[in-house]
Amino acid sequence: MGFQSILVANRGEIAIRIMRAANDLGISAVAVYSEDDPKALHRAVADQAVALKGRGVPAYLNMDGIIEAAKESNCDAIHPGYGFLAENAAFARKCAENGIAFIGPDVDHLELFGDKGRARAAASHVDVPILKGIDRSVSLEEAREFYDSLGGKSGMMIKAVAGGGGRGTRAVTNEADIEDAYNRCRSEANIAFGNDELYVEEFLERARHIEVQILGDKSGNIVHLGERECSIQRRYQKIVEIAPAPNLSETLRANIIYAALSLAKS
């Protein structure tokens, strides 16, 4: 049996798009809104709206408050949208513990890909090509040793193990900058993710950022929705996405999609 009612744990455009899709499928959509969002459009679009305690971002990150709202409105599932709690394994686990479906990856998958070192190791295990790097958190000295191992042929990326959205990330092309970059990344990562662990990998100055959208069901079926160009960025945060990716050979496109499917199926 499909869902009868879902709570959309987000706001703005993404919440509205999810609600419209739900309505097209005959599913009731419930909105949540913070104390400073009483006139937000996503509230008006929803079939029902539940107020959250608090203002701004913290209200939409209140796991217990959102789950209570879902229970109060008799929702079968919660759709997190993107951002906020979308990739939060702890939230997905709380949903399961309360008998509410989390529309998104399994908890195990969220935990795996939330740890970029483990994610690198998982990709390597199924022969998905990855950059030179270290598949775990590193000390400052280990970061220096890795930089030296590149032989000056390329730079080094320092990244937050629990990172995302470009936070806790810096490129280093001068050995003298390693300590400052490492400390800054560590501080940013701790503030953003509550985890100051960092890992390192090779920096390719003129690389393109291509993503493949993957969908899977509970029966093990995996499909892709094509690739998208995400190379236009500011501070390692995507600004524009273009689909399909332009100026990509069909061979390279097929190889990228095959690698993504291989990792997903593993």
C-alpha atoms as a PDB file:
ATOM      1  CA  MET A   1       0.000   0.000   0.000  1.00  0.00           C
ATOM      2  CA  GLY A   2       1.299   3.482  -0.859  1.00  0.00           C
ATOM      3  CA  PHE A   3       1.512   6.493   1.417  1.00  0.00           C
ATOM      4  CA  GLN A   4      -1.698   8.280   2.349  1.00  0.00           C
ATOM      5  CA  SER A   5      -0.080  11.349   3.859  1.00  0.00           C
ATOM      6  CA  ILE A   6       3.480  12.681   3.973  1.00  0.00           C
ATOM      7  CA  LEU A   7       5.092  15.482   5.934  1.00  0.00           C
ATOM      8  CA  VAL A   8       7.526  17.663   4.003  1.00  0.00           C
ATOM      9  CA  ALA A   9      10.324  18.651   6.386  1.00  0.00           C
ATOM     10  CA  ASN A  10      11.457  21.656   4.366  1.00  0.00           C
ATOM     11  CA  ARG A  11      10.349  25.057   3.136  1.00  0.00           C
ATOM     12  CA  GLY A  12      10.288  27.220   0.020  1.00  0.00           C
ATOM     13  CA  GLU A  13      10.431  26.001  -3.554  1.00  0.00           C
ATOM     14  CA  ILE A  14      11.572  22.444  -2.845  1.00  0.00           C
ATOM     15  CA  ALA A  15       8.731  21.918  -0.352  1.00  0.00           C
ATOM     16  CA  ILE A  16       6.187  23.227  -2.861  1.00  0.00           C
ATOM     17  CA  ARG A  17       7.485  20.968  -5.630  1.00  0.00           C
ATOM     18  CA  ILE A  18       7.271  17.912  -3.366  1.00  0.00           C
ATOM     19  CA  MET A  19       3.748  18.822  -2.270  1.00  0.00           C
ATOM     20  CA  ARG A  20       2.559  19.260  -5.851  1.00  0.00           C
ATOM     21  CA  ALA A  21       4.054  15.902  -6.819  1.00  0.00           C
ATOM     22  CA  ALA A  22       2.350  14.285  -3.822  1.00  0.00           C
ATOM     23  CA  ASN A  23      -0.989  15.801  -4.782  1.00  0.00           C
ATOM     24  CA  ASP A  24      -0.599  14.508  -8.344  1.00  0.00           C
ATOM     25  CA  LEU A  25      -0.279  11.031  -6.805  1.00  0.00           C
ATOM     26  CA  GLY A  26      -3.296  11.498  -4.573  1.00  0.00           C
ATOM     27  CA  ILE A  27      -1.170  11.814  -1.426  1.00  0.00           C
ATOM     28  CA  SER A  28      -1.993  14.403   1.223  1.00  0.00           C
ATOM     29  CA  ALA A  29       0.904  16.800   1.936  1.00  0.00           C
ATOM     30  CA  VAL A  30       1.584  18.297   5.360  1.00  0.00           C
ATOM     31  CA  ALA A  31       3.819  21.339   5.814  1.00  0.00           C
ATOM     32  CA  VAL A  32       5.806  22.489   8.809  1.00  0.00           C
ATOM     33  CA  TYR A  33       6.754  26.105   9.395  1.00  0.00           C
ATOM     34  CA  SER A  34       8.843  28.048  11.887  1.00  0.00           C
ATOM     35  CA  GLU A  35       7.583  30.918  14.028  1.00  0.00           C
ATOM     36  CA  ASP A  36       8.947  33.441  11.507  1.00  0.00           C
ATOM     37  CA  ASP A  37       7.435  31.611   8.497  1.00  0.00           C
ATOM     38  CA  PRO A  38       3.666  31.932   9.167  1.00  0.00           C
ATOM     39  CA  LYS A  39       2.980  33.425   5.726  1.00  0.00           C
ATOM     40  CA  ALA A  40       5.399  31.232   3.757  1.00  0.00           C
ATOM     41  CA  LEU A  41       3.982  30.009   0.445  1.00  0.00           C
ATOM     42  CA  HIS A  42       4.732  26.345   1.134  1.00  0.00           C
ATOM     43  CA  ARG A  43       2.304  26.518   4.074  1.00  0.00           C
ATOM     44  CA  ALA A  44      -0.482  27.752   1.790  1.00  0.00           C
ATOM     45  CA  VAL A  45       0.156  25.032  -0.798  1.00  0.00           C
ATOM     46  CA  ALA A  46      -0.046  22.186   1.739  1.00  0.00           C
ATOM     47  CA  ASP A  47      -3.226  20.336   2.660  1.00  0.00           C
ATOM     48  CA  GLN A  48      -2.362  20.862   6.319  1.00  0.00           C
ATOM     49  CA  ALA A  49       0.308  22.828   8.189  1.00  0.00           C
ATOM     50  CA  VAL A  50       1.863  22.298  11.612  1.00  0.00           C
ATOM     51  CA  ALA A  51       3.748  25.011  13.495  1.00  0.00           C
ATOM     52  CA  LEU A  52       7.241  24.289  14.781  1.00  0.00           C
ATOM     53  CA  LYS A  53       8.777  25.849  17.860  1.00  0.00           C
ATOM     54  CA  GLY A  54      11.655  28.202  17.141  1.00  0.00           C
ATOM     55  CA  ARG A  55      12.696  30.565  14.393  1.00  0.00           C
ATOM     56  CA  GLY A  56      14.769  30.186  11.252  1.00  0.00           C
ATOM     57  CA  VAL A  57      16.979  27.215  10.425  1.00  0.00           C
ATOM     58  CA  PRO A  58      17.051  25.675  13.949  1.00  0.00           C
ATOM     59  CA  ALA A  59      13.294  25.059  13.773  1.00  0.00           C
ATOM     60  CA  TYR A  60      13.691  23.004  10.587  1.00  0.00           C
ATOM     61  CA  LEU A  61      16.535  21.031  12.175  1.00  0.00           C
ATOM     62  CA  ASN A  62      14.513  20.054  15.249  1.00  0.00           C
ATOM     63  CA  MET A  63      14.211  16.296  14.692  1.00  0.00           C
ATOM     64  CA  ASP A  64      11.922  15.593  17.622  1.00  0.00           C
ATOM     65  CA  GLY A  65       9.663  18.510  16.745  1.00  0.00           C
ATOM     66  CA  ILE A  66       9.291  17.383  13.137  1.00  0.00           C
ATOM     67  CA  ILE A  67       8.605  13.765  14.088  1.00  0.00           C
ATOM     68  CA  GLU A  68       6.016  14.929  16.619  1.00  0.00           C
ATOM     69  CA  ALA A  69       4.391  17.015  13.871  1.00  0.00           C
ATOM     70  CA  ALA A  70       4.261  13.939  11.620  1.00  0.00           C
ATOM     71  CA  LYS A  71       2.611  11.905  14.382  1.00  0.00           C
ATOM     72  CA  GLU A  72       0.167  14.690  15.184  1.00  0.00           C
ATOM     73  CA  SER A  73      -0.950  14.831  11.542  1.00  0.00           C
ATOM     74  CA  ASN A  74      -0.997  11.022  11.091  1.00  0.00           C
ATOM     75  CA  CYS A  75       1.645  10.983   8.353  1.00  0.00           C
ATOM     76  CA  ASP A  76       2.963   7.698   6.972  1.00  0.00           C
ATOM     77  CA  ALA A  77       6.256   9.214   5.843  1.00  0.00           C
ATOM     78  CA  ILE A  78       8.546  12.227   5.955  1.00  0.00           C
ATOM     79  CA  HIS A  79      10.151  13.712   2.849  1.00  0.00           C
ATOM     80  CA  PRO A  80      13.174  15.834   3.854  1.00  0.00           C
ATOM     81  CA  GLY A  81      13.661  17.621   0.517  1.00  0.00           C
ATOM     82  CA  TYR A  82      17.285  18.754   0.263  1.00  0.00           C
ATOM     83  CA  GLY A  83      19.443  20.499   2.823  1.00  0.00           C
ATOM     84  CA  PHE A  84      18.302  20.635   6.449  1.00  0.00           C
ATOM     85  CA  LEU A  85      17.812  16.952   7.492  1.00  0.00           C
ATOM     86  CA  ALA A  86      18.003  15.376   4.024  1.00  0.00           C
ATOM     87  CA  GLU A  87      21.286  13.528   4.582  1.00  0.00           C
ATOM     88  CA  ASN A  88      21.059  13.095   8.331  1.00  0.00           C
ATOM     89  CA  ALA A  89      21.387   9.445   9.343  1.00  0.00           C
ATOM     90  CA  ALA A  90      20.308  10.187  12.916  1.00  0.00           C
ATOM     91  CA  PHE A  91      17.040  11.669  11.641  1.00  0.00           C
ATOM     92  CA  ALA A  92      16.381   8.714   9.335  1.00  0.00           C
ATOM     93  CA  ARG A  93      16.952   6.401  12.301  1.00  0.00           C
ATOM     94  CA  LYS A  94      14.546   8.390  14.485  1.00  0.00           C
ATOM     95  CA  CYS A  95      11.899   8.114  11.776  1.00  0.00           C
ATOM     96  CA  ALA A  96      12.300   4.330  11.701  1.00  0.00           C
ATOM     97  CA  GLU A  97      12.148   4.106  15.492  1.00  0.00           C
ATOM     98  CA  ASN A  98       8.828   5.968  15.400  1.00  0.00           C
ATOM     99  CA  GLY A  99       7.310   3.857  12.638  1.00  0.00           C
ATOM    100  CA  ILE A 100       7.521   6.627  10.051  1.00  0.00           C
ATOM    101  CA  ALA A 101       9.027   5.994   6.614  1.00  0.00           C
ATOM    102  CA  PHE A 102      11.957   8.226   5.639  1.00  0.00           C
ATOM    103  CA  ILE A 103      11.771   9.029   1.929  1.00  0.00           C
ATOM    104  CA  GLY A 104      15.440   8.782   1.049  1.00  0.00           C
ATOM    105  CA  PRO A 105      18.434   6.472   1.415  1.00  0.00           C
ATOM    106  CA  ASP A 106      18.670   3.783   4.092  1.00  0.00           C
ATOM    107  CA  VAL A 107      20.356   4.712   7.358  1.00  0.00           C
ATOM    108  CA  ASP A 108      23.368   2.529   6.506  1.00  0.00           C
ATOM    109  CA  HIS A 109      23.829   4.311   3.182  1.00  0.00           C
ATOM    110  CA  LEU A 110      23.531   7.741   4.759  1.00  0.00           C
ATOM    111  CA  GLU A 111      26.182   6.797   7.308  1.00  0.00           C
ATOM    112  CA  LEU A 112      28.478   5.356   4.632  1.00  0.00           C
ATOM    113  CA  PHE A 113      28.361   8.347   2.308  1.00  0.00           C
ATOM    114  CA  GLY A 114      28.328  10.773   5.205  1.00  0.00           C
ATOM    115  CA  ASP A 115      31.872   9.583   5.931  1.00  0.00           C
ATOM    116  CA  LYS A 116      33.845  10.587   2.839  1.00  0.00           C
ATOM    117  CA  GLY A 117      36.776   8.359   3.771  1.00  0.00           C
ATOM    118  CA  ARG A 118      34.535   5.276   3.941  1.00  0.00           C
ATOM    119  CA  ALA A 119      32.802   6.340   0.735  1.00  0.00           C
ATOM    120  CA  ARG A 120      36.149   6.496  -1.084  1.00  0.00           C
ATOM    121  CA  ALA A 121      37.031   3.023   0.182  1.00  0.00           C
ATOM    122  CA  ALA A 122      33.639   1.650  -0.918  1.00  0.00           C
ATOM    123  CA  ALA A 123      34.115   3.071  -4.412  1.00  0.00           C
ATOM    124  CA  SER A 124      37.603   1.636  -4.685  1.00  0.00           C
ATOM    125  CA  HIS A 125      36.326  -1.775  -3.554  1.00  0.00           C
ATOM    126  CA  VAL A 126      34.107  -2.059  -6.645  1.00  0.00           C
ATOM    127  CA  ASP A 127      36.781  -0.651  -8.984  1.00  0.00           C
ATOM    128  CA  VAL A 128      35.250   2.791  -9.383  1.00  0.00           C
ATOM    129  CA  PRO A 129      38.152   5.107 -10.314  1.00  0.00           C
ATOM    130  CA  ILE A 130      39.006   7.589  -7.568  1.00  0.00           C
ATOM    131  CA  LEU A 131      41.662  10.248  -7.071  1.00  0.00           C
ATOM    132  CA  LYS A 132      44.813   9.576  -5.092  1.00  0.00           C
ATOM    133  CA  GLY A 133      44.025  10.113  -1.441  1.00  0.00           C
ATOM    134  CA  ILE A 134      43.778   8.680   2.064  1.00  0.00           C
ATOM    135  CA  ASP A 135      40.539   6.889   2.966  1.00  0.00           C
ATOM    136  CA  ARG A 136      40.401   8.021   6.606  1.00  0.00           C
ATOM    137  CA  SER A 137      40.958  11.067   8.775  1.00  0.00           C
ATOM    138  CA  VAL A 138      44.525  12.359   8.790  1.00  0.00           C
ATOM    139  CA  SER A 139      46.745  14.350  11.105  1.00  0.00           C
ATOM    140  CA  LEU A 140      48.540  17.513   9.996  1.00  0.00           C
ATOM    141  CA  GLU A 141      51.756  15.537   9.607  1.00  0.00           C
ATOM    142  CA  GLU A 142      50.032  12.897   7.474  1.00  0.00           C
ATOM    143  CA  ALA A 143      48.594  15.666   5.292  1.00  0.00           C
ATOM    144  CA  ARG A 144      52.107  17.023   4.776  1.00  0.00           C
ATOM    145  CA  GLU A 145      53.419  13.558   3.903  1.00  0.00           C
ATOM    146  CA  PHE A 146      50.645  13.044   1.356  1.00  0.00           C
ATOM    147  CA  TYR A 147      51.373  16.415  -0.246  1.00  0.00           C
ATOM    148  CA  ASP A 148      55.042  15.463  -0.543  1.00  0.00           C
ATOM    149  CA  SER A 149      54.084  12.116  -2.116  1.00  0.00           C
ATOM    150  CA  LEU A 150      52.486  13.965  -5.039  1.00  0.00           C
ATOM    151  CA  GLY A 151      55.929  15.189  -6.035  1.00  0.00           C
ATOM    152  CA  GLY A 152      54.806  18.695  -6.897  1.00  0.00           C
ATOM    153  CA  LYS A 153      52.845  17.433  -9.911  1.00  0.00           C
ATOM    154  CA  SER A 154      49.532  18.608  -8.486  1.00  0.00           C
ATOM    155  CA  GLY A 155      48.048  20.195  -5.401  1.00  0.00           C
ATOM    156  CA  MET A 156      46.121  18.691  -2.506  1.00  0.00           C
ATOM    157  CA  MET A 157      42.523  19.032  -1.362  1.00  0.00           C
ATOM    158  CA  ILE A 158      41.850  19.062   2.366  1.00  0.00           C
ATOM    159  CA  LYS A 159      38.242  18.062   3.065  1.00  0.00           C
ATOM    160  CA  ALA A 160      35.954  17.433   6.010  1.00  0.00           C
ATOM    161  CA  VAL A 161      35.266  13.721   6.517  1.00  0.00           C
ATOM    162  CA  ALA A 162      31.656  14.554   7.395  1.00  0.00           C
ATOM    163  CA  GLY A 163      31.542  17.410   4.904  1.00  0.00           C
ATOM    164  CA  GLY A 164      29.237  18.689   2.240  1.00  0.00           C
ATOM    165  CA  GLY A 165      28.393  21.930   0.501  1.00  0.00           C
ATOM    166  CA  GLY A 166      32.020  23.000   0.257  1.00  0.00           C
ATOM    167  CA  ARG A 167      32.404  23.624   3.983  1.00  0.00           C
ATOM    168  CA  GLY A 168      35.650  22.530   5.577  1.00  0.00           C
ATOM    169  CA  THR A 169      37.292  22.305   2.156  1.00  0.00           C
ATOM    170  CA  ARG A 170      40.429  23.968   0.801  1.00  0.00           C
ATOM    171  CA  ALA A 171      42.870  23.479  -2.051  1.00  0.00           C
ATOM    172  CA  VAL A 172      46.576  23.666  -1.269  1.00  0.00           C
ATOM    173  CA  THR A 173      49.141  24.267  -4.018  1.00  0.00           C
ATOM    174  CA  ASN A 174      51.942  25.607  -1.830  1.00  0.00           C
ATOM    175  CA  GLU A 175      53.506  23.522   0.923  1.00  0.00           C
ATOM    176  CA  ALA A 176      53.808  26.590   3.156  1.00  0.00           C
ATOM    177  CA  ASP A 177      50.007  26.904   3.227  1.00  0.00           C
ATOM    178  CA  ILE A 178      49.266  23.400   4.510  1.00  0.00           C
ATOM    179  CA  GLU A 179      49.137  24.124   8.249  1.00  0.00           C
ATOM    180  CA  ASP A 180      46.919  27.197   7.919  1.00  0.00           C
ATOM    181  CA  ALA A 181      44.554  25.443   5.478  1.00  0.00           C
ATOM    182  CA  TYR A 182      44.390  22.357   7.695  1.00  0.00           C
ATOM    183  CA  ASN A 183      43.544  24.371  10.808  1.00  0.00           C
ATOM    184  CA  ARG A 184      40.928  26.461   9.000  1.00  0.00           C
ATOM    185  CA  CYS A 185      39.266  23.373   7.537  1.00  0.00           C
ATOM    186  CA  ARG A 186      39.261  21.694  10.910  1.00  0.00           C
ATOM    187  CA  SER A 187      37.607  24.698  12.556  1.00  0.00           C
ATOM    188  CA  GLU A 188      34.999  25.055   9.783  1.00  0.00           C
ATOM    189  CA  ALA A 189      34.204  21.341   9.870  1.00  0.00           C
ATOM    190  CA  ASN A 190      33.718  21.359  13.621  1.00  0.00           C
ATOM    191  CA  ILE A 191      31.347  24.327  13.451  1.00  0.00           C
ATOM    192  CA  ALA A 192      29.374  23.010  10.468  1.00  0.00           C
ATOM    193  CA  PHE A 193      29.230  19.289  11.249  1.00  0.00           C
ATOM    194  CA  GLY A 194      30.302  18.843  14.858  1.00  0.00           C
ATOM    195  CA  ASN A 195      33.173  16.711  13.536  1.00  0.00           C
ATOM    196  CA  ASP A 196      36.632  18.165  12.892  1.00  0.00           C
ATOM    197  CA  GLU A 197      38.139  15.121  11.161  1.00  0.00           C
ATOM    198  CA  LEU A 198      39.749  15.778   7.772  1.00  0.00           C
ATOM    199  CA  TYR A 199      40.960  13.669   4.867  1.00  0.00           C
ATOM    200  CA  VAL A 200      43.075  14.518   1.841  1.00  0.00           C
ATOM    201  CA  GLU A 201      43.099  13.755  -1.850  1.00  0.00           C
ATOM    202  CA  GLU A 202      44.785  14.993  -5.006  1.00  0.00           C
ATOM    203  CA  PHE A 203      43.690  18.377  -6.371  1.00  0.00           C
ATOM    204  CA  LEU A 204      42.971  18.622 -10.099  1.00  0.00           C
ATOM    205  CA  GLU A 205      42.871  22.291 -11.029  1.00  0.00           C
ATOM    206  CA  ARG A 206      40.814  21.992 -14.230  1.00  0.00           C
ATOM    207  CA  ALA A 207      38.549  19.098 -13.301  1.00  0.00           C
ATOM    208  CA  ARG A 208      34.850  18.996 -14.149  1.00  0.00           C
ATOM    209  CA  HIS A 209      32.224  18.104 -11.546  1.00  0.00           C
ATOM    210  CA  ILE A 210      29.776  15.627 -13.081  1.00  0.00           C
ATOM    211  CA  GLU A 211      27.048  13.969 -11.010  1.00  0.00           C
ATOM    212  CA  VAL A 212      24.738  11.057 -11.805  1.00  0.00           C
ATOM    213  CA  GLN A 213      21.251  10.972 -10.288  1.00  0.00           C
ATOM    214  CA  ILE A 214      20.442   7.500  -8.906  1.00  0.00           C
ATOM    215  CA  LEU A 215      17.118   6.017  -7.824  1.00  0.00           C
ATOM    216  CA  GLY A 216      16.631   2.701  -6.051  1.00  0.00           C
ATOM    217  CA  ASP A 217      13.697   0.843  -4.547  1.00  0.00           C
ATOM    218  CA  LYS A 218      13.372  -1.631  -1.692  1.00  0.00           C
ATOM    219  CA  SER A 219      13.579  -4.561  -4.117  1.00  0.00           C
ATOM    220  CA  GLY A 220      17.132  -3.793  -5.191  1.00  0.00           C
ATOM    221  CA  ASN A 221      16.271  -2.168  -8.513  1.00  0.00           C
ATOM    222  CA  ILE A 222      18.658   0.649  -9.433  1.00  0.00           C
ATOM    223  CA  VAL A 223      18.172   3.147 -12.263  1.00  0.00           C
ATOM    224  CA  HIS A 224      19.823   6.407 -13.251  1.00  0.00           C
ATOM    225  CA  LEU A 225      18.241   9.651 -14.440  1.00  0.00           C
ATOM    226  CA  GLY A 226      21.255  10.779 -16.423  1.00  0.00           C
ATOM    227  CA  GLU A 227      24.129  13.033 -15.524  1.00  0.00           C
ATOM    228  CA  ARG A 228      24.429  16.738 -14.802  1.00  0.00           C
ATOM    229  CA  GLU A 229      27.208  19.305 -15.034  1.00  0.00           C
ATOM    230  CA  CYS A 230      27.918  20.918 -11.663  1.00  0.00           C
ATOM    231  CA  SER A 231      31.264  22.592 -12.359  1.00  0.00           C
ATOM    232  CA  ILE A 232      30.071  26.188 -11.951  1.00  0.00           C
ATOM    233  CA  GLN A 233      30.793  26.697  -8.270  1.00  0.00           C
ATOM    234  CA  ARG A 234      31.673  29.279  -5.659  1.00  0.00           C
ATOM    235  CA  ARG A 235      33.801  28.106  -2.746  1.00  0.00           C
ATOM    236  CA  TYR A 236      33.208  24.491  -3.828  1.00  0.00           C
ATOM    237  CA  GLN A 237      29.436  24.996  -3.614  1.00  0.00           C
ATOM    238  CA  LYS A 238      27.406  24.335  -6.763  1.00  0.00           C
ATOM    239  CA  ILE A 239      25.669  27.380  -8.231  1.00  0.00           C
ATOM    240  CA  VAL A 240      24.304  26.062 -11.539  1.00  0.00           C
ATOM    241  CA  GLU A 241      23.469  22.528 -12.681  1.00  0.00           C
ATOM    242  CA  ILE A 242      23.096  21.667 -16.384  1.00  0.00           C
ATOM    243  CA  ALA A 243      21.527  18.425 -17.591  1.00  0.00           C
ATOM    244  CA  PRO A 244      22.632  16.651 -19.620  1.00  0.00           C
ATOM    245  CA  ALA A 245      26.280  17.663 -19.192  1.00  0.00           C
ATOM    246  CA  PRO A 246      27.471  19.479 -22.342  1.00  0.00           C
ATOM    247  CA  ASN A 247      30.622  18.641 -24.314  1.00  0.00           C
ATOM    248  CA  LEU A 248      30.941  15.156 -22.846  1.00  0.00           C
ATOM    249  CA  SER A 249      31.825  12.299 -25.178  1.00  0.00           C
ATOM    250  CA  GLU A 250      29.345   9.441 -25.262  1.00  0.00           C
ATOM    251  CA  THR A 251      32.082   7.037 -24.165  1.00  0.00           C
ATOM    252  CA  LEU A 252      32.986   9.106 -21.113  1.00  0.00           C
ATOM    253  CA  ARG A 253      29.309   9.691 -20.316  1.00  0.00           C
ATOM    254  CA  ALA A 254      28.646   5.935 -20.418  1.00  0.00           C
ATOM    255  CA  ASN A 255      31.699   5.215 -18.240  1.00  0.00           C
ATOM    256  CA  ILE A 256      30.641   7.738 -15.595  1.00  0.00           C
ATOM    257  CA  ILE A 257      27.093   6.370 -15.463  1.00  0.00           C
ATOM    258  CA  TYR A 258      28.366   2.780 -15.322  1.00  0.00           C
ATOM    259  CA  ALA A 259      30.639   3.664 -12.390  1.00  0.00           C
ATOM    260  CA  ALA A 260      27.760   5.320 -10.526  1.00  0.00           C
ATOM    261  CA  LEU A 261      25.465   2.333 -11.054  1.00  0.00           C
ATOM    262  CA  SER A 262      28.209  -0.096 -10.015  1.00  0.00           C
ATOM    263  CA  LEU A 263      28.711   1.738  -6.727  1.00  0.00           C
ATOM    264  CA  ALA A 264      24.962   1.979  -6.105  1.00  0.00           C
ATOM    265  CA  LYS A 265      24.402  -1.725  -6.792  1.00  0.00           C
ATOM    266  CA  SER A 266      27.259  -2.725  -4.480  1.00  0.00           C
END
